N, C-alpha and C. Protein backbone atom coordinates (compact mmCIF):
# COMPACT_ATOMS: atom_id res chain seq x y z
N MET A 1 7.32 -4.86 -3.51
CA MET A 1 7.42 -5.19 -4.92
C MET A 1 7.74 -3.93 -5.72
N ASN A 2 8.60 -4.04 -6.65
CA ASN A 2 8.96 -2.93 -7.51
C ASN A 2 7.80 -2.65 -8.46
N TRP A 3 7.18 -1.46 -8.36
CA TRP A 3 6.00 -1.15 -9.18
C TRP A 3 6.32 -1.17 -10.66
N LEU A 4 7.54 -0.79 -11.04
CA LEU A 4 7.90 -0.78 -12.45
C LEU A 4 7.88 -2.18 -13.03
N LYS A 5 8.47 -3.14 -12.33
CA LYS A 5 8.46 -4.52 -12.80
C LYS A 5 7.06 -5.11 -12.78
N LYS A 6 6.25 -4.67 -11.80
CA LYS A 6 4.89 -5.19 -11.69
C LYS A 6 4.03 -4.74 -12.87
N TYR A 7 4.05 -3.44 -13.17
CA TYR A 7 3.17 -2.89 -14.19
C TYR A 7 3.76 -2.87 -15.60
N LEU A 8 5.09 -2.90 -15.68
CA LEU A 8 5.76 -2.84 -16.98
C LEU A 8 6.81 -3.94 -17.07
N PRO A 9 6.41 -5.20 -17.02
CA PRO A 9 7.38 -6.30 -16.98
C PRO A 9 8.25 -6.41 -18.23
N ASN A 10 7.78 -5.88 -19.34
CA ASN A 10 8.54 -5.95 -20.59
C ASN A 10 9.20 -4.63 -20.94
N GLY A 11 9.29 -3.73 -19.97
CA GLY A 11 9.85 -2.42 -20.25
C GLY A 11 8.77 -1.47 -20.71
N SER A 12 9.15 -0.29 -21.10
CA SER A 12 8.16 0.69 -21.52
C SER A 12 8.74 1.60 -22.60
N CYS A 13 7.89 2.43 -23.11
CA CYS A 13 8.34 3.44 -24.05
C CYS A 13 8.69 4.68 -23.24
N GLY A 14 9.04 5.72 -23.91
CA GLY A 14 9.42 6.95 -23.22
C GLY A 14 8.27 7.89 -22.94
N VAL A 15 7.02 7.45 -23.15
CA VAL A 15 5.88 8.31 -22.89
C VAL A 15 5.14 7.78 -21.67
N ILE A 16 4.93 8.67 -20.69
CA ILE A 16 4.19 8.29 -19.50
C ILE A 16 3.05 9.28 -19.31
N SER A 17 1.99 8.83 -18.69
CA SER A 17 0.85 9.68 -18.37
C SER A 17 0.60 9.58 -16.88
N PHE A 18 0.33 10.71 -16.26
CA PHE A 18 0.07 10.72 -14.82
C PHE A 18 -0.78 11.93 -14.48
N GLY A 19 -1.46 11.84 -13.37
CA GLY A 19 -2.25 12.95 -12.87
C GLY A 19 -1.57 13.57 -11.67
N VAL A 20 -1.69 14.86 -11.53
CA VAL A 20 -1.11 15.57 -10.40
C VAL A 20 -2.21 15.85 -9.39
N VAL A 21 -1.99 15.41 -8.15
CA VAL A 21 -2.96 15.65 -7.10
C VAL A 21 -3.15 17.16 -6.96
N GLY A 22 -4.39 17.60 -7.00
CA GLY A 22 -4.69 19.03 -6.92
C GLY A 22 -5.47 19.51 -8.13
N GLY A 23 -5.71 18.60 -9.08
CA GLY A 23 -6.55 18.94 -10.21
C GLY A 23 -5.88 19.70 -11.34
N ARG A 24 -6.71 20.29 -12.16
CA ARG A 24 -6.28 20.99 -13.36
C ARG A 24 -5.26 22.10 -13.05
N GLU A 25 -5.55 22.89 -12.02
CA GLU A 25 -4.66 24.00 -11.69
C GLU A 25 -3.29 23.50 -11.27
N ALA A 26 -3.25 22.42 -10.49
CA ALA A 26 -1.97 21.86 -10.07
C ALA A 26 -1.19 21.30 -11.26
N ALA A 27 -1.89 20.69 -12.20
CA ALA A 27 -1.23 20.15 -13.39
C ALA A 27 -0.59 21.27 -14.21
N VAL A 28 -1.32 22.35 -14.39
CA VAL A 28 -0.79 23.48 -15.14
C VAL A 28 0.40 24.10 -14.41
N LYS A 29 0.30 24.25 -13.10
CA LYS A 29 1.41 24.82 -12.31
C LYS A 29 2.63 23.91 -12.38
N PHE A 30 2.42 22.60 -12.30
CA PHE A 30 3.52 21.65 -12.42
C PHE A 30 4.24 21.84 -13.76
N MET A 31 3.47 21.87 -14.84
CA MET A 31 4.07 22.03 -16.16
C MET A 31 4.79 23.36 -16.28
N ASP A 32 4.19 24.43 -15.79
CA ASP A 32 4.83 25.75 -15.86
C ASP A 32 6.11 25.81 -15.04
N SER A 33 6.23 24.93 -14.04
CA SER A 33 7.40 24.93 -13.17
C SER A 33 8.56 24.11 -13.72
N LEU A 34 8.31 23.30 -14.73
CA LEU A 34 9.39 22.52 -15.33
C LEU A 34 10.36 23.44 -16.06
N LYS A 35 11.64 23.16 -15.92
CA LYS A 35 12.66 23.99 -16.56
C LYS A 35 13.24 23.34 -17.81
N LEU A 36 13.27 22.01 -17.85
CA LEU A 36 13.87 21.31 -18.99
C LEU A 36 12.86 20.93 -20.06
N ALA A 37 11.68 20.56 -19.66
CA ALA A 37 10.68 20.05 -20.60
C ALA A 37 10.03 21.17 -21.39
N ALA A 38 9.78 20.88 -22.65
CA ALA A 38 9.06 21.82 -23.51
C ALA A 38 7.56 21.52 -23.42
N ILE A 39 6.75 22.56 -23.28
CA ILE A 39 5.30 22.40 -23.27
C ILE A 39 4.84 22.49 -24.72
N VAL A 40 4.33 21.38 -25.22
CA VAL A 40 3.97 21.28 -26.63
C VAL A 40 2.63 20.57 -26.80
N THR A 41 2.10 20.60 -28.02
CA THR A 41 0.84 19.89 -28.28
C THR A 41 1.09 18.52 -28.89
N HIS A 42 2.31 18.09 -28.93
CA HIS A 42 2.66 16.74 -29.36
C HIS A 42 3.77 16.26 -28.43
N VAL A 43 4.04 14.98 -28.42
CA VAL A 43 5.09 14.47 -27.55
C VAL A 43 6.07 13.60 -28.34
N ALA A 44 6.37 13.99 -29.57
CA ALA A 44 7.29 13.23 -30.40
C ALA A 44 8.50 14.11 -30.72
N ASP A 45 9.53 14.00 -29.90
CA ASP A 45 10.70 14.84 -30.06
C ASP A 45 11.86 14.17 -29.34
N SER A 46 13.08 14.60 -29.61
CA SER A 46 14.24 14.05 -28.90
C SER A 46 14.41 14.72 -27.54
N ARG A 47 13.77 15.85 -27.34
CA ARG A 47 13.82 16.52 -26.05
C ARG A 47 12.60 16.10 -25.23
N THR A 48 12.67 16.30 -23.94
CA THR A 48 11.54 15.97 -23.08
C THR A 48 10.43 16.98 -23.31
N CYS A 49 9.23 16.47 -23.54
CA CYS A 49 8.07 17.31 -23.83
C CYS A 49 6.91 16.92 -22.91
N VAL A 50 6.10 17.90 -22.55
CA VAL A 50 4.91 17.63 -21.74
C VAL A 50 3.69 18.23 -22.42
N LEU A 51 2.56 17.60 -22.15
CA LEU A 51 1.29 18.00 -22.75
C LEU A 51 0.21 17.88 -21.70
N HIS A 52 -0.66 18.87 -21.63
CA HIS A 52 -1.82 18.83 -20.74
C HIS A 52 -3.06 18.73 -21.64
N PRO A 53 -3.54 17.51 -21.90
CA PRO A 53 -4.64 17.32 -22.85
C PRO A 53 -5.88 18.16 -22.54
N ALA A 54 -6.21 18.35 -21.26
CA ALA A 54 -7.43 19.09 -20.91
C ALA A 54 -7.40 20.53 -21.38
N SER A 55 -6.22 21.10 -21.54
CA SER A 55 -6.15 22.49 -22.00
C SER A 55 -5.59 22.63 -23.41
N THR A 56 -5.31 21.49 -24.07
CA THR A 56 -4.79 21.55 -25.44
C THR A 56 -5.65 20.70 -26.37
N THR A 57 -5.31 19.45 -26.53
CA THR A 57 -5.98 18.58 -27.50
C THR A 57 -7.44 18.32 -27.21
N HIS A 58 -7.85 18.42 -25.93
CA HIS A 58 -9.23 18.17 -25.53
C HIS A 58 -9.88 19.41 -24.91
N ARG A 59 -9.39 20.58 -25.25
CA ARG A 59 -9.84 21.81 -24.60
C ARG A 59 -11.31 22.13 -24.84
N GLN A 60 -11.91 21.57 -25.86
CA GLN A 60 -13.32 21.83 -26.14
C GLN A 60 -14.26 21.08 -25.22
N MET A 61 -13.73 20.15 -24.40
CA MET A 61 -14.56 19.33 -23.52
C MET A 61 -14.59 19.92 -22.10
N ASN A 62 -15.75 19.76 -21.44
CA ASN A 62 -15.81 20.14 -20.03
C ASN A 62 -15.29 18.96 -19.21
N ASP A 63 -15.18 19.12 -17.89
CA ASP A 63 -14.59 18.08 -17.05
C ASP A 63 -15.35 16.76 -17.12
N GLU A 64 -16.67 16.82 -17.19
CA GLU A 64 -17.48 15.60 -17.29
C GLU A 64 -17.19 14.86 -18.60
N GLU A 65 -17.11 15.59 -19.69
CA GLU A 65 -16.81 14.98 -20.99
C GLU A 65 -15.39 14.42 -21.02
N LEU A 66 -14.46 15.12 -20.39
CA LEU A 66 -13.09 14.63 -20.31
C LEU A 66 -13.04 13.27 -19.61
N LEU A 67 -13.69 13.19 -18.45
CA LEU A 67 -13.69 11.93 -17.70
C LEU A 67 -14.34 10.81 -18.49
N ALA A 68 -15.43 11.12 -19.20
CA ALA A 68 -16.10 10.11 -20.02
C ALA A 68 -15.19 9.61 -21.14
N ALA A 69 -14.30 10.48 -21.60
CA ALA A 69 -13.36 10.12 -22.65
C ALA A 69 -12.09 9.47 -22.10
N GLY A 70 -12.00 9.35 -20.77
CA GLY A 70 -10.84 8.73 -20.15
C GLY A 70 -9.68 9.68 -19.94
N VAL A 71 -9.96 10.98 -19.96
CA VAL A 71 -8.93 12.00 -19.76
C VAL A 71 -9.28 12.79 -18.51
N SER A 72 -8.50 12.63 -17.46
CA SER A 72 -8.78 13.39 -16.25
C SER A 72 -8.27 14.82 -16.41
N PRO A 73 -8.91 15.78 -15.77
CA PRO A 73 -8.50 17.19 -15.90
C PRO A 73 -7.07 17.44 -15.43
N ASP A 74 -6.53 16.57 -14.59
CA ASP A 74 -5.17 16.74 -14.07
C ASP A 74 -4.13 15.92 -14.83
N LEU A 75 -4.53 15.27 -15.92
CA LEU A 75 -3.65 14.39 -16.67
C LEU A 75 -2.53 15.15 -17.37
N ILE A 76 -1.32 14.62 -17.26
CA ILE A 76 -0.16 15.14 -17.96
C ILE A 76 0.46 13.99 -18.73
N ARG A 77 0.83 14.25 -19.97
CA ARG A 77 1.58 13.27 -20.76
C ARG A 77 2.99 13.81 -20.89
N MET A 78 3.95 12.95 -20.60
CA MET A 78 5.35 13.34 -20.70
C MET A 78 6.09 12.36 -21.59
N SER A 79 6.78 12.90 -22.57
CA SER A 79 7.63 12.11 -23.44
C SER A 79 9.06 12.40 -23.01
N VAL A 80 9.72 11.38 -22.49
CA VAL A 80 11.07 11.56 -21.96
C VAL A 80 12.06 11.60 -23.11
N GLY A 81 12.87 12.64 -23.11
CA GLY A 81 13.85 12.85 -24.17
C GLY A 81 15.22 12.30 -23.83
N ILE A 82 16.22 12.87 -24.48
CA ILE A 82 17.58 12.35 -24.35
C ILE A 82 18.41 13.08 -23.29
N GLU A 83 17.78 13.96 -22.53
CA GLU A 83 18.50 14.66 -21.48
C GLU A 83 18.99 13.67 -20.41
N ASP A 84 19.92 14.08 -19.61
CA ASP A 84 20.43 13.26 -18.52
C ASP A 84 19.29 12.93 -17.56
N ILE A 85 19.17 11.65 -17.20
CA ILE A 85 18.06 11.22 -16.37
C ILE A 85 18.05 11.90 -15.00
N GLN A 86 19.22 12.11 -14.42
CA GLN A 86 19.27 12.78 -13.12
C GLN A 86 18.79 14.23 -13.22
N ASP A 87 19.09 14.89 -14.32
CA ASP A 87 18.59 16.26 -14.54
C ASP A 87 17.07 16.26 -14.65
N LEU A 88 16.52 15.27 -15.35
CA LEU A 88 15.06 15.17 -15.49
C LEU A 88 14.39 14.88 -14.16
N ILE A 89 14.96 13.96 -13.40
CA ILE A 89 14.39 13.63 -12.08
C ILE A 89 14.40 14.86 -11.19
N GLN A 90 15.51 15.59 -11.19
CA GLN A 90 15.61 16.80 -10.37
C GLN A 90 14.58 17.84 -10.81
N ASP A 91 14.39 17.98 -12.12
CA ASP A 91 13.43 18.95 -12.63
C ASP A 91 12.00 18.58 -12.23
N VAL A 92 11.64 17.31 -12.39
CA VAL A 92 10.30 16.87 -11.99
C VAL A 92 10.11 17.05 -10.49
N ASP A 93 11.14 16.71 -9.72
CA ASP A 93 11.05 16.85 -8.27
C ASP A 93 10.83 18.29 -7.84
N GLN A 94 11.57 19.23 -8.44
CA GLN A 94 11.39 20.64 -8.05
C GLN A 94 10.03 21.16 -8.50
N ALA A 95 9.53 20.68 -9.65
CA ALA A 95 8.20 21.12 -10.12
C ALA A 95 7.10 20.57 -9.22
N LEU A 96 7.24 19.31 -8.78
CA LEU A 96 6.27 18.75 -7.85
C LEU A 96 6.29 19.52 -6.53
N GLY A 97 7.47 19.94 -6.11
CA GLY A 97 7.58 20.72 -4.89
C GLY A 97 6.86 22.05 -4.97
N LYS A 98 6.81 22.63 -6.15
CA LYS A 98 6.13 23.92 -6.31
C LYS A 98 4.62 23.81 -6.25
N VAL A 99 4.09 22.62 -6.53
CA VAL A 99 2.64 22.44 -6.40
C VAL A 99 2.30 21.81 -5.06
N LYS A 100 3.32 21.64 -4.22
CA LYS A 100 3.16 21.17 -2.84
C LYS A 100 2.38 19.87 -2.74
N ILE A 101 2.82 18.88 -3.52
CA ILE A 101 2.20 17.57 -3.42
C ILE A 101 3.25 16.55 -3.04
N GLY A 102 2.82 15.42 -2.57
CA GLY A 102 3.75 14.37 -2.22
C GLY A 102 3.48 13.08 -2.95
N ARG A 103 2.58 13.11 -3.91
CA ARG A 103 2.29 11.89 -4.63
C ARG A 103 1.73 12.19 -6.00
N CYS A 104 1.77 11.18 -6.83
CA CYS A 104 1.24 11.28 -8.19
C CYS A 104 0.28 10.12 -8.38
N VAL A 105 -0.85 10.35 -8.98
CA VAL A 105 -1.85 9.30 -9.17
C VAL A 105 -1.90 8.91 -10.64
N SER A 106 -1.77 7.62 -10.91
CA SER A 106 -1.80 7.12 -12.27
C SER A 106 -3.24 6.87 -12.69
N TYR A 107 -3.61 7.31 -13.89
CA TYR A 107 -4.96 7.09 -14.40
C TYR A 107 -4.98 6.20 -15.63
N ASN A 108 -3.94 5.40 -15.78
CA ASN A 108 -3.86 4.51 -16.92
C ASN A 108 -5.06 3.57 -16.89
N LYS A 109 -5.77 3.45 -18.00
CA LYS A 109 -6.97 2.60 -18.05
C LYS A 109 -6.64 1.13 -17.80
N LYS A 110 -5.45 0.68 -18.18
CA LYS A 110 -5.08 -0.71 -18.00
C LYS A 110 -4.68 -1.00 -16.56
N ILE A 111 -4.30 0.03 -15.84
CA ILE A 111 -3.89 -0.12 -14.45
C ILE A 111 -4.87 0.66 -13.60
N LYS A 112 -5.45 0.03 -12.62
CA LYS A 112 -6.34 0.76 -11.72
C LYS A 112 -5.55 1.87 -11.04
N ALA A 113 -6.23 2.92 -10.64
CA ALA A 113 -5.56 4.06 -10.03
C ALA A 113 -4.56 3.60 -8.98
N ASP A 114 -3.33 3.98 -9.16
CA ASP A 114 -2.24 3.55 -8.29
C ASP A 114 -1.54 4.80 -7.78
N VAL A 115 -1.33 4.88 -6.48
CA VAL A 115 -0.70 6.03 -5.89
C VAL A 115 0.76 5.70 -5.62
N MET A 116 1.63 6.58 -6.12
CA MET A 116 3.07 6.40 -5.91
C MET A 116 3.58 7.58 -5.10
N ASP A 117 4.23 7.29 -3.99
CA ASP A 117 4.80 8.35 -3.16
C ASP A 117 6.11 8.85 -3.75
N PHE A 118 6.31 10.16 -3.68
CA PHE A 118 7.54 10.76 -4.17
C PHE A 118 8.40 11.25 -3.02
N ALA A 119 8.03 10.95 -1.79
CA ALA A 119 8.81 11.42 -0.64
C ALA A 119 10.08 10.64 -0.49
């Protein structure tokens, strides 16, 4: 079954949230490895932007408080911009390769944790 049709039958917006296997450090390394996306404290722009809530908007919380608030320490929010989709896919792929992971875990509250392979 196509996971996109299963979880987003009516389509989606350009903002996605996902966790990077490896925790907070892996999430930060992933973001630092992106070449196209801007690291910002908001995700409303025509360009692709990424945000790590645990170290920006929720930085005053410890890991336990983050989890209680529904924000995992490895959570990344990405707002997809107007760049070419193949360029974005390639950029995400190379950044995931730098953190040496093969999967991304979704922490969406409406969807139970779902593991998607990127191999």
